[in-house]
N, C-alpha and C. Protein backbone atom coordinates (compact mmCIF):
# COMPACT_ATOMS: atom_id res chain seq x y z
N MET A 1 17.36 -48.63 -61.97
CA MET A 1 18.73 -48.37 -62.11
C MET A 1 19.67 -49.76 -62.62
N SER A 2 20.49 -49.73 -63.81
CA SER A 2 21.33 -50.88 -63.68
C SER A 2 22.17 -51.08 -62.97
N ARG A 3 22.27 -52.40 -62.97
CA ARG A 3 23.77 -52.90 -61.84
C ARG A 3 25.18 -52.09 -62.38
N MET A 4 25.34 -52.03 -63.68
CA MET A 4 26.23 -51.34 -64.21
C MET A 4 26.46 -49.75 -63.34
N ASN A 5 25.43 -49.18 -63.61
CA ASN A 5 25.19 -47.76 -63.21
C ASN A 5 25.70 -47.70 -61.64
N VAL A 6 24.86 -48.70 -61.06
CA VAL A 6 25.17 -48.83 -59.56
C VAL A 6 26.54 -48.75 -59.14
N LEU A 7 27.43 -49.83 -59.86
CA LEU A 7 28.72 -50.31 -59.62
C LEU A 7 29.49 -49.07 -59.84
N LEU A 8 29.19 -48.18 -61.09
CA LEU A 8 30.26 -47.02 -61.51
C LEU A 8 29.79 -45.73 -60.47
N GLY A 9 28.67 -45.78 -60.06
CA GLY A 9 28.53 -44.97 -58.75
C GLY A 9 29.13 -45.09 -57.77
N ALA A 10 29.40 -46.30 -57.27
CA ALA A 10 29.94 -46.74 -56.09
C ALA A 10 31.56 -46.54 -56.34
N ALA A 11 32.00 -46.59 -57.33
CA ALA A 11 33.38 -46.53 -57.71
C ALA A 11 33.62 -44.92 -57.72
N LEU A 12 32.80 -43.97 -58.14
CA LEU A 12 33.41 -42.64 -58.25
C LEU A 12 33.13 -42.40 -56.94
N LEU A 13 32.14 -42.83 -55.98
CA LEU A 13 31.99 -42.37 -54.68
C LEU A 13 33.62 -42.60 -53.63
N GLY A 14 34.02 -43.88 -54.36
CA GLY A 14 35.41 -44.40 -53.66
C GLY A 14 36.45 -43.38 -54.10
N LEU A 15 36.57 -42.99 -55.32
CA LEU A 15 37.50 -42.21 -55.92
C LEU A 15 37.48 -40.53 -55.19
N ALA A 16 36.12 -40.33 -54.80
CA ALA A 16 36.08 -38.84 -54.23
C ALA A 16 36.42 -38.65 -52.64
N ALA A 17 36.39 -40.01 -52.02
CA ALA A 17 36.69 -39.99 -50.65
C ALA A 17 37.91 -39.56 -50.13
N PRO A 18 37.87 -38.54 -49.17
CA PRO A 18 39.40 -37.83 -49.14
C PRO A 18 40.27 -39.14 -48.54
N ALA A 19 41.59 -38.83 -48.81
CA ALA A 19 42.68 -39.61 -48.21
C ALA A 19 42.88 -39.31 -46.85
N GLN A 20 43.18 -40.21 -46.22
CA GLN A 20 43.69 -40.18 -44.92
C GLN A 20 44.96 -39.29 -44.74
N ALA A 21 44.95 -38.48 -43.75
CA ALA A 21 45.75 -37.12 -43.56
C ALA A 21 47.38 -38.16 -43.20
N GLN A 22 48.56 -37.73 -43.87
CA GLN A 22 49.67 -37.98 -43.54
C GLN A 22 50.61 -37.08 -42.98
N LEU A 23 51.44 -37.32 -42.15
CA LEU A 23 52.55 -36.49 -41.71
C LEU A 23 53.56 -36.77 -42.20
N PHE A 24 54.16 -35.57 -43.25
CA PHE A 24 55.55 -35.55 -43.55
C PHE A 24 56.40 -34.86 -43.22
N TYR A 25 57.60 -35.64 -42.49
CA TYR A 25 58.53 -35.02 -41.63
C TYR A 25 59.88 -35.63 -42.06
N LYS A 26 60.83 -34.89 -42.16
CA LYS A 26 62.14 -35.27 -42.15
C LYS A 26 62.87 -34.78 -41.05
N ALA A 27 63.32 -35.84 -40.16
CA ALA A 27 63.78 -35.79 -38.92
C ALA A 27 65.00 -35.13 -38.93
N PRO A 28 65.31 -34.05 -38.11
CA PRO A 28 66.63 -33.53 -37.54
C PRO A 28 67.65 -34.84 -36.75
N ASP A 29 68.81 -34.54 -37.27
CA ASP A 29 69.63 -35.75 -36.37
C ASP A 29 69.94 -35.04 -35.03
N VAL A 30 69.24 -36.04 -34.11
CA VAL A 30 69.51 -35.43 -32.41
C VAL A 30 70.73 -36.13 -32.02
N PRO A 31 71.58 -35.40 -31.52
CA PRO A 31 72.78 -36.11 -30.78
C PRO A 31 72.39 -37.12 -29.67
N GLY A 32 73.12 -38.03 -29.52
CA GLY A 32 72.96 -39.31 -28.34
C GLY A 32 74.27 -39.42 -27.86
N GLY A 33 74.20 -40.76 -27.69
CA GLY A 33 75.36 -40.72 -26.64
C GLY A 33 75.51 -42.11 -25.52
N VAL A 34 76.35 -42.72 -25.17
CA VAL A 34 76.12 -43.86 -24.23
C VAL A 34 75.77 -43.12 -22.89
N LEU A 35 74.72 -43.56 -22.04
CA LEU A 35 74.45 -43.13 -20.63
C LEU A 35 74.58 -44.33 -19.58
N THR A 36 75.43 -44.30 -18.79
CA THR A 36 75.51 -45.54 -17.93
C THR A 36 74.96 -45.32 -16.49
N ALA A 37 74.86 -43.98 -16.12
CA ALA A 37 73.74 -43.70 -15.06
C ALA A 37 73.08 -42.65 -14.84
N PRO A 38 72.12 -42.55 -14.63
CA PRO A 38 71.29 -40.98 -14.61
C PRO A 38 72.60 -39.83 -14.06
N GLU A 39 72.18 -38.67 -14.78
CA GLU A 39 73.33 -37.79 -14.18
C GLU A 39 72.34 -36.24 -14.65
N LYS A 40 72.99 -35.23 -14.16
CA LYS A 40 72.28 -33.87 -14.19
C LYS A 40 71.79 -33.66 -15.70
N GLY A 41 70.46 -33.58 -15.93
CA GLY A 41 69.82 -33.02 -17.18
C GLY A 41 69.63 -34.44 -18.14
N TYR A 42 69.81 -35.64 -17.54
CA TYR A 42 69.42 -36.79 -18.08
C TYR A 42 68.84 -38.00 -16.96
N GLY A 43 67.93 -37.40 -16.33
CA GLY A 43 67.31 -38.32 -15.28
C GLY A 43 67.42 -37.85 -14.13
N TYR A 44 67.01 -38.37 -13.32
CA TYR A 44 66.83 -38.09 -11.72
C TYR A 44 68.27 -38.73 -11.07
N VAL A 45 69.30 -38.16 -10.49
CA VAL A 45 70.16 -38.83 -10.02
C VAL A 45 69.70 -39.15 -8.80
N LEU A 46 70.34 -40.46 -8.71
CA LEU A 46 70.13 -41.27 -7.06
C LEU A 46 71.35 -41.23 -6.29
N THR A 47 71.29 -40.36 -5.38
CA THR A 47 72.43 -40.23 -4.42
C THR A 47 72.92 -41.62 -3.77
N GLY A 48 74.22 -41.88 -3.88
CA GLY A 48 74.69 -43.03 -3.28
C GLY A 48 74.21 -44.37 -3.82
N ALA A 49 73.69 -44.50 -4.85
CA ALA A 49 72.83 -45.65 -5.67
C ALA A 49 74.20 -46.54 -6.02
N THR A 50 73.90 -47.94 -6.04
CA THR A 50 74.58 -48.99 -6.51
C THR A 50 74.81 -49.14 -8.09
N PRO A 51 75.52 -49.71 -8.50
CA PRO A 51 75.52 -49.72 -10.16
C PRO A 51 74.21 -50.57 -10.38
N ALA A 52 73.68 -51.54 -9.71
CA ALA A 52 72.54 -52.50 -9.93
C ALA A 52 71.30 -51.28 -9.81
N GLU A 53 71.38 -50.38 -8.76
CA GLU A 53 70.29 -49.43 -8.73
C GLU A 53 70.34 -48.32 -10.10
N ASN A 54 71.43 -48.08 -10.34
CA ASN A 54 71.55 -47.21 -11.47
C ASN A 54 71.20 -47.64 -12.64
N ARG A 55 71.68 -49.09 -12.70
CA ARG A 55 70.84 -49.91 -14.13
C ARG A 55 69.63 -49.85 -14.14
N ALA A 56 68.85 -49.99 -12.84
CA ALA A 56 67.59 -50.41 -12.70
C ALA A 56 66.76 -48.90 -12.94
N ALA A 57 67.55 -47.91 -12.43
CA ALA A 57 66.91 -46.22 -12.75
C ALA A 57 67.08 -46.36 -14.36
N LEU A 58 67.88 -46.59 -15.18
CA LEU A 58 67.81 -46.19 -16.39
C LEU A 58 66.65 -46.95 -17.29
N VAL A 59 66.65 -48.38 -16.78
CA VAL A 59 65.65 -49.07 -17.34
C VAL A 59 64.17 -48.40 -17.22
N TRP A 60 63.98 -47.97 -15.98
CA TRP A 60 62.85 -47.35 -15.57
C TRP A 60 62.56 -46.13 -16.45
N ASN A 61 63.58 -45.19 -16.31
CA ASN A 61 63.62 -44.12 -17.31
C ASN A 61 63.39 -44.44 -18.63
N LEU A 62 63.70 -45.26 -19.02
CA LEU A 62 63.39 -45.72 -20.60
C LEU A 62 61.76 -46.07 -20.57
N ARG A 63 61.40 -46.74 -19.75
CA ARG A 63 59.80 -47.06 -19.76
C ARG A 63 58.97 -45.79 -19.85
N SER A 64 59.31 -44.92 -18.62
CA SER A 64 58.71 -43.74 -18.43
C SER A 64 58.66 -43.15 -19.86
N ALA A 65 60.10 -42.80 -20.53
CA ALA A 65 59.95 -42.27 -21.85
C ALA A 65 58.75 -42.51 -22.84
N LEU A 66 59.04 -43.88 -22.80
CA LEU A 66 58.12 -44.49 -24.20
C LEU A 66 56.87 -44.37 -23.69
N ASN A 67 56.54 -44.59 -22.26
CA ASN A 67 55.12 -44.34 -21.77
C ASN A 67 54.69 -43.16 -22.36
N VAL A 68 55.40 -41.87 -22.02
CA VAL A 68 55.02 -40.51 -22.39
C VAL A 68 54.85 -40.57 -23.79
N ALA A 69 55.55 -41.24 -24.75
CA ALA A 69 55.45 -40.97 -26.12
C ALA A 69 54.25 -41.83 -26.56
N ALA A 70 53.58 -42.77 -25.96
CA ALA A 70 52.60 -43.54 -26.14
C ALA A 70 51.60 -42.52 -26.20
N LEU A 71 51.65 -41.76 -25.26
CA LEU A 71 50.44 -40.83 -24.83
C LEU A 71 50.33 -39.56 -25.57
N GLN A 72 51.49 -39.07 -25.86
CA GLN A 72 51.68 -37.98 -26.60
C GLN A 72 51.90 -37.95 -28.15
N CYS A 73 52.29 -38.82 -28.82
CA CYS A 73 52.76 -39.05 -30.15
C CYS A 73 51.53 -39.51 -30.93
N SER A 74 50.20 -39.41 -30.59
CA SER A 74 49.19 -39.85 -31.17
C SER A 74 49.09 -39.27 -32.85
N LEU A 75 49.80 -38.27 -32.87
CA LEU A 75 49.43 -37.33 -33.94
C LEU A 75 49.85 -37.94 -35.32
N ASP A 76 50.76 -38.88 -35.21
CA ASP A 76 51.20 -39.80 -36.29
C ASP A 76 50.82 -41.25 -36.28
N PRO A 77 49.83 -41.98 -36.38
CA PRO A 77 49.53 -43.11 -36.11
C PRO A 77 50.31 -43.96 -36.78
N TYR A 78 50.77 -43.61 -37.80
CA TYR A 78 51.91 -44.39 -38.55
C TYR A 78 53.11 -45.06 -37.61
N LEU A 79 53.34 -44.08 -36.58
CA LEU A 79 54.47 -44.49 -35.69
C LEU A 79 54.35 -45.93 -34.78
N ARG A 80 53.04 -45.93 -34.91
CA ARG A 80 52.66 -46.97 -33.70
C ARG A 80 53.15 -47.33 -32.82
N ILE A 81 53.45 -45.83 -32.00
CA ILE A 81 54.41 -46.02 -30.87
C ILE A 81 53.59 -47.14 -29.53
N ALA A 82 52.16 -46.52 -29.39
CA ALA A 82 51.33 -47.10 -28.41
C ALA A 82 51.28 -48.50 -28.28
N ASP A 83 51.22 -49.24 -29.95
CA ASP A 83 51.08 -50.68 -30.07
C ASP A 83 52.51 -51.41 -29.51
N ASN A 84 53.41 -50.69 -30.08
CA ASN A 84 54.81 -51.40 -29.73
C ASN A 84 55.12 -51.06 -28.43
N TYR A 85 54.92 -49.99 -27.47
CA TYR A 85 55.05 -49.69 -26.30
C TYR A 85 54.32 -50.78 -25.50
N ASN A 86 53.28 -51.25 -25.89
CA ASN A 86 52.47 -52.36 -24.91
C ASN A 86 53.10 -53.89 -25.24
N ALA A 87 53.62 -53.88 -26.64
CA ALA A 87 54.34 -55.02 -27.04
C ALA A 87 55.72 -55.22 -26.16
N MET A 88 56.32 -53.90 -25.90
CA MET A 88 57.43 -54.08 -25.11
C MET A 88 57.11 -54.38 -23.82
N LEU A 89 56.27 -53.70 -23.17
CA LEU A 89 55.79 -54.29 -21.68
C LEU A 89 55.71 -55.45 -21.36
N SER A 90 55.08 -56.41 -22.40
CA SER A 90 54.87 -57.75 -22.57
C SER A 90 56.07 -58.50 -22.51
N ASN A 91 56.90 -58.00 -23.63
CA ASN A 91 58.15 -58.96 -23.74
C ASN A 91 59.29 -59.00 -22.63
N HIS A 92 59.48 -57.38 -22.07
CA HIS A 92 60.28 -57.19 -21.00
C HIS A 92 59.96 -57.17 -19.71
N ARG A 93 58.52 -57.77 -19.45
CA ARG A 93 57.80 -57.64 -18.10
C ARG A 93 58.66 -57.86 -16.93
N ASP A 94 59.50 -58.97 -17.03
CA ASP A 94 60.56 -59.60 -15.76
C ASP A 94 61.30 -58.27 -15.40
N GLU A 95 62.22 -57.95 -16.72
CA GLU A 95 63.08 -56.82 -16.36
C GLU A 95 62.67 -55.65 -15.85
N LEU A 96 61.58 -55.33 -15.88
CA LEU A 96 60.71 -54.05 -15.83
C LEU A 96 60.23 -54.16 -14.28
N ALA A 97 59.85 -55.36 -14.06
CA ALA A 97 59.35 -55.60 -12.51
C ALA A 97 60.74 -55.60 -11.85
N GLY A 98 61.61 -56.12 -12.23
CA GLY A 98 62.78 -56.12 -11.33
C GLY A 98 63.47 -55.18 -11.17
N ALA A 99 63.36 -53.94 -12.24
CA ALA A 99 64.01 -52.76 -12.04
C ALA A 99 62.92 -51.64 -10.95
N PHE A 100 61.64 -51.97 -10.83
CA PHE A 100 60.89 -51.44 -10.06
C PHE A 100 61.15 -52.01 -8.57
N THR A 101 61.47 -53.14 -8.37
CA THR A 101 61.77 -53.76 -7.13
C THR A 101 62.97 -53.20 -6.56
N THR A 102 64.16 -53.24 -7.39
CA THR A 102 65.35 -52.73 -7.18
C THR A 102 65.06 -50.98 -6.70
N LEU A 103 64.48 -50.48 -7.23
CA LEU A 103 64.42 -48.82 -6.99
C LEU A 103 63.35 -48.55 -5.71
N SER A 104 62.61 -49.53 -5.56
CA SER A 104 61.84 -49.45 -4.25
C SER A 104 62.70 -49.76 -3.10
N ALA A 105 63.61 -50.77 -3.42
CA ALA A 105 64.46 -51.12 -2.29
C ALA A 105 65.57 -50.00 -1.94
N TYR A 106 65.82 -49.44 -3.36
CA TYR A 106 66.93 -47.88 -2.94
C TYR A 106 66.02 -46.95 -1.91
N PHE A 107 64.89 -46.66 -2.16
CA PHE A 107 64.37 -45.44 -1.37
C PHE A 107 63.67 -46.22 -0.15
N LYS A 108 63.74 -47.38 0.19
CA LYS A 108 63.43 -47.95 1.59
C LYS A 108 64.98 -47.97 2.20
N ARG A 109 66.03 -47.95 1.70
CA ARG A 109 67.27 -48.00 2.25
C ARG A 109 67.44 -46.53 2.36
N LYS A 110 67.26 -45.50 1.60
CA LYS A 110 67.65 -44.12 1.99
C LYS A 110 66.51 -43.21 2.82
N ASN A 111 65.51 -44.13 3.29
CA ASN A 111 64.41 -43.11 4.11
C ASN A 111 64.20 -44.07 5.24
N LYS A 112 63.76 -43.36 6.44
CA LYS A 112 63.88 -44.08 7.70
C LYS A 112 62.55 -44.75 7.96
N SER A 113 61.49 -44.30 7.06
CA SER A 113 60.16 -45.07 7.23
C SER A 113 59.68 -45.57 6.00
N PRO A 114 58.87 -46.35 6.22
CA PRO A 114 58.08 -46.87 4.86
C PRO A 114 57.38 -45.95 4.08
N LYS A 115 56.66 -44.87 4.95
CA LYS A 115 55.67 -44.13 4.26
C LYS A 115 56.65 -43.01 3.57
N ALA A 116 57.75 -42.72 4.11
CA ALA A 116 58.64 -41.73 3.68
C ALA A 116 59.21 -42.48 2.30
N ALA A 117 59.75 -43.66 2.46
CA ALA A 117 60.23 -44.56 1.24
C ALA A 117 59.22 -44.29 0.02
N GLN A 118 57.95 -44.59 0.53
CA GLN A 118 56.84 -44.77 -0.42
C GLN A 118 56.65 -43.32 -1.10
N THR A 119 56.84 -42.10 -0.39
CA THR A 119 56.28 -40.62 -0.98
C THR A 119 57.80 -40.58 -1.83
N ALA A 120 58.89 -40.93 -1.22
CA ALA A 120 60.09 -40.64 -2.25
C ALA A 120 60.14 -41.29 -3.65
N LEU A 121 59.70 -42.46 -3.58
CA LEU A 121 59.58 -43.16 -4.52
C LEU A 121 58.48 -42.53 -5.73
N ASP A 122 57.07 -42.02 -5.04
CA ASP A 122 56.41 -41.56 -6.09
C ASP A 122 56.65 -40.16 -6.58
N GLN A 123 57.61 -39.24 -6.00
CA GLN A 123 57.89 -38.35 -6.28
C GLN A 123 59.02 -38.37 -7.18
N TYR A 124 59.82 -39.44 -7.26
CA TYR A 124 60.97 -40.20 -8.20
C TYR A 124 60.04 -40.26 -9.52
N GLY A 125 59.05 -41.07 -9.52
CA GLY A 125 58.48 -41.53 -10.59
C GLY A 125 57.45 -40.16 -11.29
N THR A 126 56.85 -39.12 -10.38
CA THR A 126 56.54 -37.71 -11.39
C THR A 126 57.71 -37.15 -11.79
N ARG A 127 58.66 -36.99 -11.37
CA ARG A 127 59.82 -36.00 -11.71
C ARG A 127 60.15 -36.82 -13.14
N THR A 128 60.28 -38.05 -12.94
CA THR A 128 60.83 -38.93 -14.17
C THR A 128 59.92 -38.75 -15.63
N TYR A 129 58.82 -38.83 -15.05
CA TYR A 129 57.66 -38.61 -16.34
C TYR A 129 57.50 -37.35 -16.71
N SER A 130 57.68 -36.38 -16.00
CA SER A 130 57.59 -35.05 -16.24
C SER A 130 58.94 -34.77 -17.12
N SER A 131 60.00 -35.05 -16.87
CA SER A 131 61.23 -34.71 -17.57
C SER A 131 61.26 -35.13 -19.25
N PHE A 132 60.20 -36.03 -19.44
CA PHE A 132 59.91 -36.30 -20.92
C PHE A 132 58.54 -35.55 -21.61
N SER A 133 58.15 -34.54 -20.65
CA SER A 133 57.02 -33.89 -21.36
C SER A 133 57.67 -32.87 -22.44
N ALA A 134 57.25 -33.14 -23.78
CA ALA A 134 57.76 -32.58 -24.80
C ALA A 134 56.78 -31.54 -25.20
N VAL A 135 57.18 -30.25 -25.37
CA VAL A 135 55.92 -29.48 -26.25
C VAL A 135 56.94 -28.74 -27.51
N GLY A 136 58.03 -28.04 -27.28
CA GLY A 136 58.60 -27.49 -28.59
C GLY A 136 59.26 -28.70 -29.32
N GLY A 137 59.92 -29.81 -28.66
CA GLY A 137 60.60 -30.70 -29.21
C GLY A 137 59.67 -32.07 -29.37
N LEU A 138 58.16 -31.86 -29.57
CA LEU A 138 57.59 -33.04 -29.84
C LEU A 138 57.56 -33.94 -30.77
N LEU A 139 58.00 -33.24 -32.14
CA LEU A 139 58.33 -34.22 -33.13
C LEU A 139 59.55 -34.73 -33.10
N PRO A 140 60.40 -34.30 -32.74
CA PRO A 140 61.76 -35.05 -32.55
C PRO A 140 61.69 -36.32 -31.40
N PHE A 141 60.98 -35.87 -30.26
CA PHE A 141 61.05 -36.55 -29.13
C PHE A 141 60.10 -38.21 -30.10
N CYS A 142 58.90 -37.95 -30.60
CA CYS A 142 58.15 -39.07 -31.12
C CYS A 142 58.85 -39.80 -32.03
N HIS A 143 59.73 -39.01 -33.00
CA HIS A 143 60.59 -39.68 -33.91
C HIS A 143 61.71 -40.74 -33.28
N VAL A 144 62.44 -40.05 -32.40
CA VAL A 144 63.36 -40.94 -31.76
C VAL A 144 62.68 -41.95 -30.80
N SER A 145 61.61 -41.70 -30.12
CA SER A 145 61.12 -42.68 -29.55
C SER A 145 60.50 -43.70 -29.90
N SER A 146 59.83 -43.49 -31.47
CA SER A 146 59.26 -44.67 -32.17
C SER A 146 60.49 -45.53 -32.73
N GLN A 147 61.87 -44.93 -33.01
CA GLN A 147 62.76 -45.88 -33.45
C GLN A 147 63.36 -46.57 -32.00
N THR A 148 63.22 -46.13 -31.07
CA THR A 148 63.75 -46.63 -29.54
C THR A 148 62.86 -48.11 -29.32
N VAL A 149 61.39 -47.85 -29.24
CA VAL A 149 60.47 -48.65 -29.07
C VAL A 149 60.44 -49.80 -30.17
N ARG A 150 60.95 -49.60 -31.27
CA ARG A 150 60.79 -50.48 -32.24
C ARG A 150 62.04 -51.30 -32.08
N THR A 151 63.29 -50.85 -31.79
CA THR A 151 64.43 -51.54 -31.01
C THR A 151 64.04 -52.70 -30.15
N ALA A 152 63.57 -51.94 -29.05
CA ALA A 152 63.06 -52.50 -27.73
C ALA A 152 62.34 -53.95 -28.06
N ILE A 153 61.52 -53.78 -28.92
CA ILE A 153 60.68 -55.13 -28.92
C ILE A 153 61.18 -56.21 -29.51
N PHE A 154 62.46 -55.93 -30.13
CA PHE A 154 63.01 -56.99 -30.76
C PHE A 154 64.61 -57.41 -30.00
N THR A 155 64.61 -56.55 -29.14
CA THR A 155 65.63 -56.91 -28.14
C THR A 155 65.37 -58.17 -27.29
N LYS A 156 66.41 -59.02 -27.00
CA LYS A 156 66.24 -60.21 -26.30
C LYS A 156 65.78 -59.74 -24.75
N ARG A 157 65.43 -60.77 -24.35
CA ARG A 157 64.73 -60.59 -22.95
C ARG A 157 66.06 -60.36 -21.87
N ASN A 158 65.87 -59.50 -20.79
CA ASN A 158 66.88 -59.14 -19.78
C ASN A 158 68.07 -58.35 -20.35
N ALA A 159 67.66 -57.66 -21.59
CA ALA A 159 68.78 -56.83 -22.23
C ALA A 159 68.09 -55.46 -22.54
N LEU A 160 66.97 -55.13 -21.95
CA LEU A 160 66.72 -53.87 -22.05
C LEU A 160 67.52 -52.59 -21.50
N TYR A 161 68.28 -53.18 -20.67
CA TYR A 161 68.85 -52.06 -19.80
C TYR A 161 70.19 -51.77 -21.38
N GLU A 162 70.33 -52.31 -22.04
CA GLU A 162 71.34 -51.91 -23.11
C GLU A 162 70.56 -51.17 -24.13
N ILE A 163 69.26 -50.93 -24.14
CA ILE A 163 68.79 -49.99 -25.10
C ILE A 163 68.67 -48.77 -24.44
N ALA A 164 68.45 -48.76 -22.87
CA ALA A 164 68.43 -47.78 -22.20
C ALA A 164 69.75 -47.00 -22.35
N ASN A 165 70.55 -47.71 -22.06
CA ASN A 165 72.12 -47.40 -22.13
C ASN A 165 72.36 -46.58 -23.46
N ALA A 166 71.99 -46.95 -24.45
CA ALA A 166 72.38 -46.41 -25.70
C ALA A 166 71.49 -45.31 -26.12
N ARG A 167 69.88 -45.53 -25.74
CA ARG A 167 69.16 -44.54 -26.12
C ARG A 167 68.60 -43.23 -25.45
N LEU A 168 68.98 -43.34 -24.13
CA LEU A 168 68.40 -42.55 -23.18
C LEU A 168 68.64 -40.97 -23.45
N ARG A 169 69.86 -40.81 -23.70
CA ARG A 169 70.68 -39.65 -23.75
C ARG A 169 69.83 -38.80 -25.00
N GLN A 170 69.71 -39.75 -26.21
CA GLN A 170 69.19 -39.27 -27.23
C GLN A 170 67.56 -38.83 -27.09
N ILE A 171 67.11 -39.66 -26.37
CA ILE A 171 65.62 -39.18 -25.95
C ILE A 171 65.64 -38.13 -25.43
N HIS A 172 66.30 -37.73 -24.33
CA HIS A 172 66.33 -36.42 -23.58
C HIS A 172 66.71 -35.31 -24.19
N ASN A 173 67.64 -35.66 -24.93
CA ASN A 173 67.96 -34.17 -26.08
C ASN A 173 66.61 -34.16 -26.97
N ALA A 174 66.20 -34.99 -27.48
CA ALA A 174 64.86 -34.83 -28.40
C ALA A 174 63.91 -33.97 -27.56
N VAL A 175 63.72 -34.26 -26.51
CA VAL A 175 62.70 -33.43 -25.72
C VAL A 175 62.91 -32.08 -25.75
N ASN A 176 64.00 -31.60 -25.97
CA ASN A 176 64.47 -29.99 -25.97
C ASN A 176 64.90 -29.69 -26.89
N PHE A 177 64.81 -30.51 -27.87
CA PHE A 177 65.58 -29.98 -29.46
C PHE A 177 64.47 -29.24 -30.21
N ARG A 178 64.92 -28.20 -30.56
CA ARG A 178 64.09 -26.93 -31.42
C ARG A 178 64.36 -26.81 -32.78
N LYS A 179 65.17 -27.60 -33.48
CA LYS A 179 65.79 -27.43 -34.73
C LYS A 179 64.04 -27.79 -35.73
N GLY A 180 63.54 -28.91 -35.23
CA GLY A 180 62.48 -29.30 -35.76
C GLY A 180 62.64 -29.77 -37.22
N GLU A 181 61.63 -29.70 -38.17
CA GLU A 181 61.82 -30.04 -39.48
C GLU A 181 62.91 -29.77 -40.24
N GLN A 182 63.34 -30.48 -41.02
CA GLN A 182 64.78 -30.43 -41.78
C GLN A 182 64.57 -29.89 -43.17
N GLN A 183 63.44 -30.63 -43.68
CA GLN A 183 63.03 -30.48 -45.25
C GLN A 183 62.75 -28.99 -45.34
N PHE A 184 61.93 -28.56 -44.77
CA PHE A 184 61.16 -27.37 -44.59
C PHE A 184 61.45 -26.41 -43.54
N THR A 185 62.11 -25.58 -43.47
CA THR A 185 62.57 -25.11 -42.00
C THR A 185 61.78 -24.02 -41.47
N GLY A 186 60.58 -23.76 -42.19
CA GLY A 186 60.04 -22.93 -41.52
C GLY A 186 59.75 -21.46 -42.38
N ILE A 187 58.77 -20.86 -42.46
CA ILE A 187 58.60 -19.67 -42.94
C ILE A 187 58.13 -18.48 -41.93
N TRP A 188 58.78 -17.24 -42.08
CA TRP A 188 58.43 -16.39 -41.06
C TRP A 188 57.85 -15.33 -41.96
N ILE A 189 56.44 -15.04 -41.38
CA ILE A 189 56.06 -13.92 -42.22
C ILE A 189 55.83 -12.69 -41.26
N ALA A 190 56.15 -11.50 -41.32
CA ALA A 190 56.01 -10.26 -40.34
C ALA A 190 54.64 -9.96 -40.45
N ASN A 191 53.84 -9.75 -39.40
CA ASN A 191 52.65 -9.05 -39.43
C ASN A 191 52.84 -7.67 -38.89
N ASN A 192 52.67 -6.82 -39.87
CA ASN A 192 52.62 -5.23 -39.25
C ASN A 192 51.25 -4.97 -39.48
N TYR A 193 50.71 -4.71 -38.47
CA TYR A 193 49.22 -4.31 -38.39
C TYR A 193 49.22 -2.42 -38.16
N HIS A 194 48.57 -1.86 -38.74
CA HIS A 194 48.32 -0.37 -38.76
C HIS A 194 46.91 -0.36 -37.42
N LEU A 195 47.67 0.44 -36.47
CA LEU A 195 46.54 0.51 -35.32
C LEU A 195 46.15 2.08 -35.29
N PRO A 196 44.95 2.41 -34.86
CA PRO A 196 44.50 3.86 -34.94
C PRO A 196 45.20 4.56 -33.87
N ASN A 197 45.49 6.11 -34.08
CA ASN A 197 45.59 6.79 -32.75
C ASN A 197 44.58 6.84 -31.81
N LEU A 198 44.67 6.31 -30.57
CA LEU A 198 43.99 6.44 -29.96
C LEU A 198 43.82 7.13 -28.51
N ALA A 199 44.83 8.32 -28.61
CA ALA A 199 44.96 9.42 -27.99
C ALA A 199 43.74 10.26 -27.47
N ASP A 200 43.70 10.98 -26.57
CA ASP A 200 42.62 11.55 -25.78
C ASP A 200 41.71 12.51 -26.98
N GLN A 201 42.79 13.29 -27.69
CA GLN A 201 42.31 14.29 -28.55
C GLN A 201 41.54 13.84 -29.56
N CYS A 202 41.39 12.36 -29.89
CA CYS A 202 40.92 11.65 -31.12
C CYS A 202 39.32 11.40 -30.77
N TRP A 203 39.08 11.66 -29.42
CA TRP A 203 37.63 11.39 -28.84
C TRP A 203 36.90 12.53 -28.73
N LYS A 204 35.54 12.71 -29.14
CA LYS A 204 34.63 13.32 -28.72
C LYS A 204 33.43 12.72 -27.64
N LYS A 205 33.89 12.66 -26.34
CA LYS A 205 32.92 12.03 -25.35
C LYS A 205 33.23 10.61 -25.82
N THR A 206 32.47 9.69 -26.17
CA THR A 206 32.54 8.13 -26.16
C THR A 206 32.76 7.51 -27.94
N LYS A 207 32.75 8.91 -28.67
CA LYS A 207 32.89 8.58 -30.07
C LYS A 207 34.09 8.88 -30.48
N TYR A 208 34.38 8.15 -31.44
CA TYR A 208 36.01 8.60 -32.21
C TYR A 208 35.82 9.50 -33.30
N THR A 209 36.62 10.35 -33.41
CA THR A 209 36.35 11.49 -34.45
C THR A 209 36.78 10.99 -35.86
N GLY A 210 37.66 10.38 -35.69
CA GLY A 210 38.20 9.89 -37.17
C GLY A 210 39.54 10.69 -37.60
N LYS A 211 39.65 11.92 -37.11
CA LYS A 211 40.22 12.75 -37.48
C LYS A 211 41.98 12.11 -37.41
N CYS A 212 42.17 11.22 -36.57
CA CYS A 212 43.40 10.99 -36.24
C CYS A 212 43.81 9.60 -36.73
N GLY A 213 43.01 9.44 -37.98
CA GLY A 213 43.79 8.02 -38.72
C GLY A 213 42.21 7.27 -39.10
């Protein structure tokens, strides 16, 4: 076989290879707004928390939201949420560590024993993560999270709170957002099935007589 034939065959095989699947999605406009402290529906409210503790809670909520997004949003690799999330952890490690220390101190202050404080902290972490578990709102949640984490990795250090302050309300809203795709809003197909009459008179012992339908 000539070299030209080999090269031509390789080129044809390359042309025949299937293209990598892509997700075409026109994102909805998810409402947002400033969030200065956790409130009902937007994070776990820390009773009697100081401004510093509420600030730490927002930073930790943001980390939790983007962690969930990194795990749930692999449906579209072009979002690169997991890679950007890891970059954010590296760039803002000091502020994140400080937020965790402040939250730990809050639960120690509000509980009588170290064991009770640790249990309360663990429950807080579980509830925080669970609040970002998206099902119906997965696509809006992933879209908003990808925008947020890209902004976060280019934010100066010790300013992650500013991103949490500006974006957390929108992320929470995206979790429960049901409008979904905006370019193609969905097609509803009615399924009208004809079922046979299964009344007793339609059977002769264990056999269907057929006279009923």
